[in-house]
Amino acid sequence: MIKLFGQTDTTFTSNGDLVILPLRAVIHKADNSDFYLDLTTSLKYADDLTEGRIIVAPTPQGEQAFRVGNVQKTKSKITTRCWHIFYDTENYLIEDSRAVNMNLNAALDHFNSSTTPESPFTTLSDVEGTNTLYVIRKSYYEAIQEAIERWGSGHLVRDNFQIEIRENIGQDNGVEVRYGKNLKEITVDYNWDNVVTQMMPVGYDGIMLEDKYIYGDVSYDIPYTKCIHFDQNIDQDAYKDESGNVDQEAYAAALRADLFAQAQAYIQINQYPQVNYQLAANLEKITDIGDTIYVDDERLGVKITTNLISYDYDCILGKYTNLEFGNFKKQLSNLVTNITTQTEQMIQESTQAIQIGLEAELNLAQEKIWGALGNSYVIYEGDKILVVDSLPKETATNVIMINNGGIAFSNTGINGNFASAWTIDNVLNMQQINVINLTADLIKGGTLKLGSKLNQSGLLQLFDEANTLIGQMDKDGLKMYGQDGSYVIMNEQVGFAGYDRNNNKIYWVDKDEFHMKKSVVEEEITLCNKLRFIPITLTDGNNNVTNDGIGLVSVGGE
């Protein structure tokens, strides 16, 4: 049953305002990705299917709410793609919320209670581990996306107004697919890039196993032999004696044991190709995204354990019409699904522009270096070394000169101006430096320019010794944070103003006037250089205080 509710409804146990008879109603749901209803009806519902109303439709996981959007009308029908009510999170703003050293369950609660307006959602997570995430002037939707990325794992579970991030989802009901026998209508994508059946694992400081190689459980007609490097984090201090000397033999044994364990886990997964299946059929015992599906692929001669990645479900027929499962995903999670054109433009003009710009500059630099390798000539002249792009050296344009003073660069020949240099006393002298990530104890200079490139605004953040953000300067001005949650803002909109931890303005400047809600004066107040308020203490003959108060004193003889 397809039911229509109002824009602000949150309970869907009734039949709503109207029961709709659809011509087509198909739900698409993907792991950590799209969740929407494609709905087609007759023109009789033209006045009912309006922007923002809620459609409640049956799914394999129960009735779910979807928001009507982008309604299209033709001469014979109405079509609309209705996004799950979860995507309402795009319309809730988080001004400034910081989850510090929290598990994901606590972090979600923290962000959920920090939205403007107040969030109608509830949250839950069983993902382990603690982390820290600052969300400043972003949507609740973006906060959830960044939380999944920051905590590094988890599957997004959307159940009407309940939002969950689970470590594991789905069930194992023993569902088995036999390719080439009982199921013919399967589309299969194979990826053999990472397959390895004979591996030479290499660990910390080049350490290797005594037998050098480990082997998988399967073999193919052609070899898949690779050398794979693994990161290791074995605490060397655990193998020191009382004098602080490391037992090298025991430490090496621990490294090899860890290397063997990592290598075995790696080859168990990567001895098989990555496979993605799309099945245009309805499988019994499928419950939800993440369900385990056992694939007996006779063409590969192996059995692969996969998980359901996405599905299409026909609400009218009450069955799955397309299932996607495999041991990899063909594309990254597109949690940043476009809701409005404005959102799409914001993404394109911000993070993507930075990434594309940096990648283009890196690629260009790499091309210049590799392109020059075939046209470089090294000349040793006793007191210096020259690297030139043509011979004789007098005809060269690009020149690198190395001597005991350092290294210098010129693009105007050997007798031209060496405008860039790295001298032996650790001074890097260049007219222009493009840096992706700079770490420094001291930066000196006349001008520090932030932003103004790739349409980006500048950002300056200040942290204390505990790595807590205490202030920042960006396109919205200067903002300093107090330990109690209060803050001070200075920009062209508010001028200069202070706020308490509840975001209440407590003092501010308005043109030539200074306003404050409360004031405590320790000594005196002078008004217009003519009148002062000063504290007065009166005593009796025994020097006992008889009265405390404020006196008015005229200044300047008036």
Protein backbone atom coordinates (compact mmCIF):
# COMPACT_ATOMS: atom_id res chain seq x y z
CA MET A 1 0.00 0.00 0.00
CA ILE A 2 1.36 3.41 -1.02
CA LYS A 3 0.20 6.07 1.45
CA LEU A 4 0.42 9.87 1.27
CA PHE A 5 1.08 11.99 4.37
CA GLY A 6 1.61 15.66 5.11
CA GLN A 7 4.94 17.44 5.05
CA THR A 8 5.32 17.54 8.85
CA ASP A 9 3.96 14.11 9.78
CA THR A 10 6.28 11.84 11.77
CA THR A 11 3.98 8.92 12.60
CA PHE A 12 2.86 6.63 9.79
CA THR A 13 0.71 3.94 11.42
CA SER A 14 -2.51 5.16 9.76
CA ASN A 15 -3.50 5.22 6.09
CA GLY A 16 -2.49 8.87 5.94
CA ASP A 17 -4.32 11.49 3.92
CA LEU A 18 -4.69 9.31 0.83
CA VAL A 19 -3.96 5.80 -0.46
CA ILE A 20 -2.33 5.96 -3.92
CA LEU A 21 -2.67 3.35 -6.65
CA PRO A 22 0.66 3.54 -8.51
CA LEU A 23 1.47 2.56 -12.06
CA ARG A 24 5.07 1.89 -10.99
CA ALA A 25 6.76 1.94 -7.57
CA VAL A 26 10.37 0.70 -7.37
CA ILE A 27 12.70 1.22 -4.41
CA HIS A 28 16.46 1.39 -4.89
CA LYS A 29 18.68 0.90 -1.85
CA ALA A 30 22.47 0.62 -1.72
CA ASP A 31 24.97 0.15 1.11
CA ASN A 32 26.08 3.58 2.40
CA SER A 33 24.59 5.11 -0.71
CA ASP A 34 21.31 5.94 -2.47
CA PHE A 35 17.92 5.12 -0.96
CA TYR A 36 14.94 6.35 -2.97
CA LEU A 37 11.54 5.48 -4.44
CA ASP A 38 10.76 5.96 -8.14
CA LEU A 39 7.01 6.51 -8.32
CA THR A 40 4.73 6.78 -11.36
CA THR A 41 0.98 7.47 -11.06
CA SER A 42 -1.92 8.64 -13.16
CA LEU A 43 -2.84 12.30 -13.49
CA LYS A 44 -5.65 11.93 -10.92
CA TYR A 45 -3.04 12.56 -8.21
CA ALA A 46 -1.72 15.76 -9.79
CA ASP A 47 -3.04 17.96 -6.97
CA ASP A 48 -1.90 15.56 -4.24
CA LEU A 49 1.71 14.73 -5.19
CA THR A 50 3.19 18.10 -4.33
CA GLU A 51 6.75 18.99 -3.34
CA GLY A 52 7.71 17.97 0.18
CA ARG A 53 4.82 15.65 1.03
CA ILE A 54 5.68 12.22 2.42
CA ILE A 55 5.10 8.91 0.68
CA VAL A 56 5.10 5.79 2.86
CA ALA A 57 5.84 2.63 0.87
CA PRO A 58 6.36 -1.05 1.73
CA THR A 59 9.94 -2.35 1.68
CA PRO A 60 11.43 -5.73 2.65
CA GLN A 61 12.37 -4.05 5.96
CA GLY A 62 8.90 -2.63 6.64
CA GLU A 63 7.20 0.62 5.72
CA GLN A 64 9.56 3.51 5.01
CA ALA A 65 8.95 7.23 4.49
CA PHE A 66 10.13 9.06 1.35
CA ARG A 67 9.95 12.78 0.55
CA VAL A 68 8.26 13.79 -2.72
CA GLY A 69 10.56 15.86 -4.94
CA ASN A 70 11.01 17.04 -8.53
CA VAL A 71 7.54 16.08 -9.72
CA GLN A 72 7.26 15.73 -13.51
CA LYS A 73 3.93 15.75 -15.34
CA THR A 74 3.14 14.62 -18.88
CA LYS A 75 -0.15 14.26 -20.73
CA SER A 76 -0.73 10.81 -19.29
CA LYS A 77 1.21 10.35 -16.04
CA ILE A 78 3.13 11.80 -13.10
CA THR A 79 6.63 10.68 -12.15
CA THR A 80 8.70 11.62 -9.12
CA ARG A 81 11.84 10.39 -7.38
CA CYS A 82 11.20 10.41 -3.66
CA TRP A 83 14.31 10.32 -1.45
CA HIS A 84 14.20 8.55 1.91
CA ILE A 85 13.28 10.78 4.83
CA PHE A 86 16.89 10.39 6.04
CA TYR A 87 17.95 12.93 3.41
CA ASP A 88 16.06 15.60 5.35
CA THR A 89 19.32 15.81 7.33
CA GLU A 90 20.61 17.99 4.48
CA ASN A 91 18.27 20.73 5.72
CA TYR A 92 19.56 20.80 9.31
CA LEU A 93 22.59 22.97 10.09
CA ILE A 94 25.30 22.36 12.67
CA GLU A 95 26.93 25.70 13.46
CA ASP A 96 29.75 24.48 15.69
CA SER A 97 29.82 21.08 17.38
CA ARG A 98 32.90 19.16 18.51
CA ALA A 99 32.90 15.48 19.39
CA VAL A 100 36.18 14.98 21.27
CA ASN A 101 37.48 11.50 22.16
CA MET A 102 34.05 9.92 21.81
CA ASN A 103 32.83 6.61 20.48
CA LEU A 104 30.62 6.87 17.42
CA ASN A 105 27.40 6.32 19.36
CA ALA A 106 28.14 9.30 21.62
CA ALA A 107 29.34 11.42 18.68
CA LEU A 108 26.09 10.85 16.75
CA ASP A 109 24.05 11.84 19.81
CA HIS A 110 26.25 14.92 20.21
CA PHE A 111 25.72 16.08 16.62
CA ASN A 112 22.03 15.15 16.65
CA SER A 113 21.48 17.49 19.61
CA SER A 114 23.38 20.35 17.94
CA THR A 115 21.24 21.01 14.86
CA THR A 116 19.32 24.09 13.84
CA PRO A 117 16.37 23.62 13.87
CA GLU A 118 16.02 20.83 16.42
CA SER A 119 16.53 17.39 14.87
CA PRO A 120 13.54 14.99 14.68
CA PHE A 121 15.92 12.02 14.31
CA THR A 122 17.28 9.52 16.83
CA THR A 123 20.69 7.85 16.46
CA LEU A 124 22.50 4.65 17.42
CA SER A 125 25.85 3.00 16.65
CA ASP A 126 27.84 -0.05 17.77
CA VAL A 127 31.06 0.90 15.97
CA GLU A 128 33.95 0.57 18.41
CA GLY A 129 36.85 2.95 19.01
CA THR A 130 37.08 6.62 19.96
CA ASN A 131 37.86 9.55 17.72
CA THR A 132 37.49 13.32 17.42
CA LEU A 133 35.52 15.25 14.82
CA TYR A 134 34.84 18.99 14.53
CA VAL A 135 31.75 19.97 12.53
CA ILE A 136 31.59 23.71 11.84
CA ARG A 137 28.88 25.27 9.66
CA LYS A 138 27.96 22.05 7.90
CA SER A 139 24.75 20.16 7.41
CA TYR A 140 23.78 17.26 9.64
CA TYR A 141 24.00 15.12 6.50
CA GLU A 142 27.65 16.07 5.99
CA ALA A 143 28.39 15.39 9.66
CA ILE A 144 27.12 11.82 9.33
CA GLN A 145 29.20 11.28 6.19
CA GLU A 146 32.34 12.61 7.85
CA ALA A 147 31.69 10.50 10.96
CA ILE A 148 31.59 7.30 8.89
CA GLU A 149 34.86 8.28 7.23
CA ARG A 150 36.56 9.41 10.46
CA TRP A 151 35.69 6.28 12.46
CA GLY A 152 36.73 4.24 9.43
CA SER A 153 33.97 1.65 9.30
CA GLY A 154 30.27 1.17 9.58
CA HIS A 155 27.16 0.74 7.48
CA LEU A 156 24.43 3.38 7.38
CA VAL A 157 21.07 1.95 8.45
CA ARG A 158 18.06 4.17 7.73
CA ASP A 159 14.73 3.33 9.36
CA ASN A 160 12.41 6.31 8.96
CA PHE A 161 13.59 8.84 11.58
CA GLN A 162 16.04 6.38 13.18
CA ILE A 163 19.66 6.71 11.95
CA GLU A 164 22.12 3.95 12.79
CA ILE A 165 25.74 3.21 11.86
CA ARG A 166 26.38 -0.49 12.39
CA GLU A 167 29.66 -2.40 12.35
CA ASN A 168 27.97 -5.34 10.61
CA ILE A 169 24.64 -5.62 8.84
CA GLY A 170 22.67 -8.32 7.06
CA GLN A 171 22.04 -11.99 7.80
CA ASP A 172 23.44 -15.32 6.70
CA ASN A 173 20.50 -17.44 5.60
CA GLY A 174 22.56 -19.82 3.50
CA VAL A 175 21.59 -18.21 0.19
CA GLU A 176 23.61 -19.79 -2.63
CA VAL A 177 23.94 -18.81 -6.27
CA ARG A 178 25.37 -21.24 -8.83
CA TYR A 179 26.53 -19.36 -11.87
CA GLY A 180 26.07 -21.24 -15.14
CA LYS A 181 23.52 -23.70 -13.76
CA ASN A 182 20.33 -22.58 -12.08
CA LEU A 183 20.82 -18.87 -12.79
CA LYS A 184 21.56 -17.55 -16.28
CA GLU A 185 20.61 -13.87 -16.16
CA ILE A 186 23.69 -12.69 -14.26
CA THR A 187 25.98 -9.85 -15.32
CA VAL A 188 29.47 -10.35 -13.90
CA ASP A 189 32.44 -7.97 -13.54
CA TYR A 190 35.83 -9.47 -12.72
CA ASN A 191 38.86 -7.60 -11.38
CA TRP A 192 42.10 -9.59 -11.30
CA ASP A 193 44.43 -6.66 -10.52
CA ASN A 194 45.12 -7.65 -6.89
CA VAL A 195 45.03 -11.44 -7.24
CA VAL A 196 48.02 -13.17 -5.62
CA THR A 197 48.54 -16.90 -5.05
CA GLN A 198 52.26 -16.80 -4.25
CA MET A 199 53.40 -13.87 -2.15
CA MET A 200 56.67 -12.55 -0.77
CA PRO A 201 55.67 -10.48 2.29
CA VAL A 202 58.03 -7.70 3.42
CA GLY A 203 57.67 -5.92 6.76
CA TYR A 204 59.36 -3.33 8.98
CA ASP A 205 62.88 -2.36 7.91
CA GLY A 206 62.77 -4.91 5.07
CA ILE A 207 62.29 -7.95 7.32
CA MET A 208 61.09 -11.11 5.53
CA LEU A 209 59.84 -14.56 6.49
CA GLU A 210 62.40 -17.34 6.79
CA ASP A 211 60.67 -19.26 3.98
CA LYS A 212 60.29 -16.02 1.97
CA TYR A 213 57.01 -17.07 0.30
CA ILE A 214 53.53 -18.04 1.43
CA TYR A 215 50.92 -19.66 -0.80
CA GLY A 216 47.17 -19.45 -1.28
CA ASP A 217 44.76 -22.36 -1.41
CA VAL A 218 44.01 -22.07 -5.13
CA SER A 219 46.04 -21.97 -8.33
CA TYR A 220 45.35 -20.80 -11.85
CA ASP A 221 46.77 -21.60 -15.26
CA ILE A 222 48.94 -18.50 -15.13
CA PRO A 223 51.03 -17.39 -12.10
CA TYR A 224 50.02 -14.58 -9.74
CA THR A 225 53.19 -13.88 -7.77
CA LYS A 226 53.67 -10.56 -5.96
CA CYS A 227 55.83 -8.87 -3.36
CA ILE A 228 53.58 -7.11 -0.84
CA HIS A 229 54.81 -4.63 1.81
CA PHE A 230 53.03 -4.47 5.19
CA ASP A 231 53.07 -1.79 7.89
CA GLN A 232 54.02 -3.08 11.34
CA ASN A 233 53.66 -1.49 14.76
CA ILE A 234 55.44 -3.78 17.19
CA ASP A 235 56.54 -1.95 20.36
CA GLN A 236 60.31 -2.32 20.59
CA ASP A 237 60.29 -1.25 24.24
CA ALA A 238 58.54 -4.52 25.14
CA TYR A 239 61.72 -6.38 24.17
CA LYS A 240 64.21 -4.32 26.20
CA ASP A 241 65.98 -5.60 29.30
CA GLU A 242 66.54 -3.63 32.51
CA SER A 243 69.54 -1.88 30.96
CA GLY A 244 67.49 -0.73 27.97
CA ASN A 245 69.12 -3.14 25.50
CA VAL A 246 66.81 -4.63 22.87
CA ASP A 247 66.65 -8.41 22.53
CA GLN A 248 67.05 -8.30 18.75
CA GLU A 249 66.28 -11.99 18.27
CA ALA A 250 63.01 -11.85 20.19
CA TYR A 251 62.03 -8.57 18.50
CA ALA A 252 62.71 -10.01 15.04
CA ALA A 253 60.66 -13.12 15.92
CA ALA A 254 57.73 -10.92 16.94
CA LEU A 255 57.98 -8.97 13.70
CA ARG A 256 58.00 -12.17 11.63
CA ALA A 257 55.02 -13.59 13.52
CA ASP A 258 53.05 -10.40 12.91
CA LEU A 259 54.15 -10.32 9.27
CA PHE A 260 53.03 -13.92 8.77
CA ALA A 261 49.61 -13.22 10.31
CA GLN A 262 49.05 -10.13 8.14
CA ALA A 263 50.22 -11.94 5.01
CA GLN A 264 47.96 -14.94 5.63
CA ALA A 265 44.93 -12.70 6.10
CA TYR A 266 45.81 -10.78 2.94
CA ILE A 267 46.28 -13.83 0.70
CA GLN A 268 43.09 -15.48 1.93
CA ILE A 269 41.14 -12.53 0.55
CA ASN A 270 43.22 -11.71 -2.53
CA GLN A 271 43.79 -15.22 -3.85
CA TYR A 272 40.41 -14.75 -5.53
CA PRO A 273 39.51 -12.06 -8.04
CA GLN A 274 37.20 -9.25 -7.02
CA VAL A 275 33.81 -10.08 -8.48
CA ASN A 276 30.61 -8.09 -8.78
CA TYR A 277 27.33 -9.74 -9.82
CA GLN A 278 24.05 -8.18 -10.94
CA LEU A 279 21.12 -10.54 -10.92
CA ALA A 280 17.78 -9.68 -12.53
CA ALA A 281 15.78 -12.07 -10.38
CA ASN A 282 14.22 -12.56 -6.97
CA LEU A 283 16.19 -14.67 -4.48
CA GLU A 284 14.42 -16.21 -1.53
CA LYS A 285 15.62 -15.57 2.04
CA ILE A 286 17.11 -12.16 1.17
CA THR A 287 16.34 -9.76 4.01
CA ASP A 288 18.42 -6.60 3.52
CA ILE A 289 21.65 -4.97 2.38
CA GLY A 290 24.65 -6.85 3.77
CA ASP A 291 23.10 -10.32 3.55
CA THR A 292 25.63 -13.07 2.89
CA ILE A 293 25.38 -14.78 -0.50
CA TYR A 294 27.52 -17.82 -1.39
CA VAL A 295 28.53 -17.90 -5.04
CA ASP A 296 29.64 -21.13 -6.71
CA ASP A 297 31.34 -19.82 -9.84
CA GLU A 298 32.20 -22.85 -11.94
CA ARG A 299 34.00 -20.74 -14.54
CA LEU A 300 36.52 -19.75 -11.87
CA GLY A 301 36.48 -23.09 -10.17
CA VAL A 302 36.08 -21.40 -6.76
CA LYS A 303 33.40 -20.62 -4.25
CA ILE A 304 33.23 -17.00 -3.11
CA THR A 305 31.44 -15.50 -0.12
CA THR A 306 29.84 -12.20 -1.07
CA ASN A 307 27.44 -9.66 0.42
CA LEU A 308 24.39 -7.90 -0.96
CA ILE A 309 25.47 -4.41 -2.03
CA SER A 310 22.24 -2.98 -3.47
CA TYR A 311 18.79 -3.96 -4.59
CA ASP A 312 15.75 -2.80 -6.55
CA TYR A 313 12.41 -3.79 -5.03
CA ASP A 314 9.03 -3.63 -6.80
CA CYS A 315 6.46 -2.44 -4.26
CA ILE A 316 3.55 -3.53 -6.46
CA LEU A 317 4.81 -7.07 -7.13
CA GLY A 318 6.34 -7.37 -3.67
CA LYS A 319 9.65 -8.83 -4.87
CA TYR A 320 13.22 -7.96 -5.79
CA THR A 321 13.80 -7.13 -9.45
CA ASN A 322 17.57 -6.56 -9.32
CA LEU A 323 20.25 -7.65 -6.86
CA GLU A 324 23.88 -6.56 -6.79
CA PHE A 325 26.32 -8.60 -4.72
CA GLY A 326 30.04 -9.29 -4.70
CA ASN A 327 33.29 -9.02 -2.75
CA PHE A 328 33.89 -5.44 -3.89
CA LYS A 329 31.94 -2.34 -4.84
CA LYS A 330 32.19 -0.93 -8.32
CA GLN A 331 32.08 2.63 -7.07
CA LEU A 332 32.76 4.56 -3.90
CA SER A 333 29.96 5.44 -1.56
CA ASN A 334 28.13 8.46 -2.90
CA LEU A 335 26.78 9.63 0.43
CA VAL A 336 26.94 13.19 -0.90
CA THR A 337 23.94 12.52 -3.14
CA ASN A 338 22.75 15.70 -4.78
CA ILE A 339 19.58 17.07 -3.22
CA THR A 340 19.70 20.57 -4.68
CA THR A 341 21.62 22.28 -7.42
CA GLN A 342 23.10 24.63 -4.86
CA THR A 343 24.60 21.73 -2.91
CA GLU A 344 26.10 20.23 -6.05
CA GLN A 345 27.69 23.56 -7.01
CA MET A 346 29.07 24.04 -3.51
CA ILE A 347 30.80 20.65 -3.62
CA GLN A 348 32.22 21.25 -7.08
CA GLU A 349 33.56 24.68 -6.13
CA SER A 350 35.13 23.61 -2.82
CA THR A 351 36.71 20.27 -1.95
CA GLN A 352 36.69 18.85 -5.47
CA ALA A 353 38.24 22.00 -6.91
CA ILE A 354 41.07 21.83 -4.38
CA GLN A 355 41.73 18.16 -5.02
CA ILE A 356 41.62 18.52 -8.77
CA GLY A 357 43.81 21.61 -8.67
CA LEU A 358 46.47 19.99 -6.49
CA GLU A 359 46.42 16.80 -8.52
CA ALA A 360 46.83 18.77 -11.74
CA GLU A 361 49.81 20.68 -10.34
CA LEU A 362 51.44 17.49 -9.09
CA ASN A 363 50.91 15.76 -12.42
CA LEU A 364 52.32 18.77 -14.26
CA ALA A 365 55.40 18.80 -12.03
CA GLN A 366 55.90 15.08 -12.57
CA GLU A 367 55.54 15.42 -16.33
CA LYS A 368 58.14 18.20 -16.38
CA ILE A 369 60.64 16.09 -14.46
CA TRP A 370 60.17 12.91 -16.46
CA GLY A 371 60.00 14.79 -19.71
CA ALA A 372 63.32 16.45 -18.98
CA LEU A 373 65.19 13.24 -18.14
CA GLY A 374 65.87 12.50 -21.77
CA ASN A 375 67.17 16.03 -22.38
CA SER A 376 69.39 16.60 -19.36
CA TYR A 377 73.18 16.87 -19.43
CA VAL A 378 75.48 16.90 -16.40
CA ILE A 379 78.72 18.91 -16.58
CA TYR A 380 81.43 18.72 -13.90
CA GLU A 381 83.57 21.87 -13.77
CA GLY A 382 85.74 21.23 -10.72
CA ASP A 383 84.19 23.80 -8.36
CA LYS A 384 80.60 23.19 -9.43
CA ILE A 385 78.21 20.82 -11.19
CA LEU A 386 75.83 22.06 -13.90
CA VAL A 387 72.70 20.27 -15.10
CA VAL A 388 71.58 21.81 -18.41
CA ASP A 389 68.88 21.08 -20.97
CA SER A 390 71.07 21.42 -24.07
CA LEU A 391 74.70 21.38 -25.24
CA PRO A 392 76.86 23.30 -25.55
CA LYS A 393 76.07 24.78 -22.15
CA GLU A 394 75.98 28.32 -23.54
CA THR A 395 72.80 27.41 -25.44
CA ALA A 396 71.00 26.03 -22.39
CA THR A 397 67.86 27.66 -21.04
CA ASN A 398 67.12 25.69 -17.87
CA VAL A 399 70.13 25.30 -15.57
CA ILE A 400 70.73 23.74 -12.16
CA MET A 401 74.01 24.69 -10.45
CA ILE A 402 75.40 22.84 -7.41
CA ASN A 403 78.46 23.93 -5.41
CA ASN A 404 79.55 24.23 -1.78
CA GLY A 405 77.16 27.16 -1.35
CA GLY A 406 74.06 25.11 -2.15
CA ILE A 407 71.88 24.53 -5.20
CA ALA A 408 70.45 27.22 -7.51
CA PHE A 409 68.00 27.25 -10.42
CA SER A 410 67.82 29.41 -13.54
CA ASN A 411 65.56 29.43 -16.57
CA THR A 412 67.57 32.16 -18.32
CA GLY A 413 70.76 30.18 -19.05
CA ILE A 414 74.10 29.75 -17.28
CA ASN A 415 74.77 33.51 -17.32
CA GLY A 416 71.22 34.46 -16.41
CA ASN A 417 69.49 35.16 -13.13
CA PHE A 418 69.39 32.27 -10.65
CA ALA A 419 66.12 33.35 -9.02
CA SER A 420 65.65 30.27 -6.84
CA ALA A 421 68.20 28.77 -4.49
CA TRP A 422 68.59 26.41 -1.54
CA THR A 423 71.71 27.52 0.27
CA ILE A 424 73.94 25.46 2.51
CA ASP A 425 72.81 27.39 5.62
CA ASN A 426 69.28 25.90 5.29
CA VAL A 427 67.72 28.94 3.58
CA LEU A 428 65.23 28.24 0.78
CA ASN A 429 65.01 31.37 -1.36
CA MET A 430 62.31 31.27 -4.03
CA GLN A 431 59.90 33.74 -5.55
CA GLN A 432 57.06 31.18 -5.53
CA ILE A 433 56.53 27.95 -3.59
CA ASN A 434 53.49 25.71 -4.02
CA VAL A 435 53.09 23.44 -1.00
CA ILE A 436 50.35 20.88 -0.32
CA ASN A 437 51.21 20.38 3.37
CA LEU A 438 53.70 22.56 5.28
CA THR A 439 54.90 21.88 8.82
CA ALA A 440 57.10 24.58 10.37
CA ASP A 441 58.15 25.98 13.76
CA LEU A 442 58.46 29.56 12.49
CA ILE A 443 57.23 31.35 9.37
CA LYS A 444 58.64 34.81 8.63
CA GLY A 445 57.51 37.15 5.90
CA GLY A 446 55.85 40.36 4.95
CA THR A 447 52.56 38.97 3.60
CA LEU A 448 50.66 35.78 4.40
CA LYS A 449 47.94 35.24 1.81
CA LEU A 450 45.25 32.63 2.50
CA GLY A 451 42.74 31.69 -0.16
CA SER A 452 42.24 33.73 -3.35
CA LYS A 453 43.04 30.71 -5.52
CA LEU A 454 40.62 28.26 -7.16
CA ASN A 455 37.80 30.40 -5.74
CA GLN A 456 38.71 29.30 -2.22
CA SER A 457 38.39 31.43 0.89
CA GLY A 458 41.23 31.49 3.41
CA LEU A 459 41.21 29.75 6.79
CA LEU A 460 43.53 30.29 9.75
CA GLN A 461 43.05 28.02 12.78
CA LEU A 462 44.75 28.41 16.18
CA PHE A 463 45.18 25.46 18.58
CA ASP A 464 46.52 25.30 22.13
CA GLU A 465 49.01 22.75 23.49
CA ALA A 466 46.15 20.28 24.09
CA ASN A 467 45.24 20.40 20.37
CA THR A 468 42.00 22.22 21.16
CA LEU A 469 40.77 24.79 18.65
CA ILE A 470 40.77 28.15 20.48
CA GLY A 471 40.34 30.53 17.55
CA GLN A 472 40.03 30.86 13.81
CA MET A 473 39.94 33.48 11.09
CA ASP A 474 38.07 32.83 7.86
CA LYS A 475 35.67 34.50 5.42
CA ASP A 476 33.26 35.07 8.34
CA GLY A 477 35.80 37.05 10.35
CA LEU A 478 37.67 36.35 13.59
CA LYS A 479 36.27 34.00 16.22
CA MET A 480 37.92 33.20 19.57
CA TYR A 481 36.64 30.46 21.91
CA GLY A 482 36.53 30.53 25.71
CA GLN A 483 37.02 27.50 27.95
CA ASP A 484 33.40 27.64 29.11
CA GLY A 485 31.99 27.50 25.57
CA SER A 486 31.67 31.27 25.15
CA TYR A 487 33.21 33.02 22.16
CA VAL A 488 33.98 36.41 20.63
CA ILE A 489 33.27 37.33 16.99
CA MET A 490 34.58 40.22 14.96
CA ASN A 491 33.37 40.67 11.37
CA GLU A 492 31.61 43.14 9.12
CA GLN A 493 28.13 41.77 9.92
CA VAL A 494 28.15 41.89 13.73
CA GLY A 495 31.09 44.23 14.23
CA PHE A 496 32.53 43.15 17.58
CA ALA A 497 30.42 40.97 19.87
CA GLY A 498 30.70 38.40 22.66
CA TYR A 499 28.43 35.39 23.19
CA ASP A 500 27.92 33.03 26.11
CA ARG A 501 27.95 29.24 25.73
CA ASN A 502 24.22 29.29 24.93
CA ASN A 503 24.83 31.60 21.92
CA ASN A 504 23.29 34.59 23.70
CA LYS A 505 24.87 37.96 22.82
CA ILE A 506 26.23 39.48 26.04
CA TYR A 507 28.18 42.51 24.77
CA TRP A 508 28.62 44.22 21.41
CA VAL A 509 29.58 47.39 19.59
CA ASP A 510 26.95 49.26 17.58
CA LYS A 511 28.49 52.16 15.62
CA ASP A 512 29.96 54.41 18.36
CA GLU A 513 28.11 52.68 21.23
CA PHE A 514 29.25 49.81 23.43
CA HIS A 515 26.48 47.62 24.87
CA MET A 516 26.65 44.98 27.59
CA LYS A 517 24.10 43.04 29.60
CA LYS A 518 26.03 43.20 32.87
CA SER A 519 28.95 45.32 34.10
CA VAL A 520 31.25 45.20 37.14
CA VAL A 521 33.45 48.30 37.72
CA GLU A 522 36.50 47.84 39.94
CA GLU A 523 37.62 51.50 40.31
CA GLU A 524 35.92 54.30 38.39
CA ILE A 525 34.03 55.36 35.25
CA THR A 526 34.76 58.64 33.44
CA LEU A 527 32.06 60.14 31.22
CA CYS A 528 33.02 62.64 28.49
CA ASN A 529 36.00 63.80 30.61
CA LYS A 530 33.51 65.75 32.74
CA LEU A 531 31.93 63.36 35.18
CA ARG A 532 33.36 60.38 37.05
CA PHE A 533 31.77 57.57 39.04
CA ILE A 534 34.14 56.56 41.83
CA PRO A 535 33.67 54.32 44.89
CA ILE A 536 33.43 56.19 48.26
CA THR A 537 33.95 54.70 51.71
CA LEU A 538 32.76 56.72 54.79
CA THR A 539 34.19 56.10 58.27
CA ASP A 540 33.47 57.40 61.77
CA GLY A 541 35.92 58.75 64.31
CA ASN A 542 37.01 55.25 65.25
CA ASN A 543 37.79 54.50 61.63
CA ASN A 544 34.82 52.17 61.33
CA VAL A 545 33.13 51.97 57.91
CA THR A 546 29.73 53.56 58.09
CA ASN A 547 28.79 53.57 54.43
CA ASP A 548 30.00 52.32 51.02
CA GLY A 549 28.70 53.89 47.87
CA ILE A 550 29.39 55.76 44.66
CA GLY A 551 30.17 59.41 44.39
CA LEU A 552 29.92 61.77 41.42
CA VAL A 553 32.89 64.04 40.88
CA SER A 554 32.93 66.91 38.39
CA VAL A 555 36.03 67.01 36.16
CA GLY A 556 37.55 70.11 34.56
CA GLY A 557 36.08 72.60 37.00
CA GLU A 558 32.51 72.24 35.77
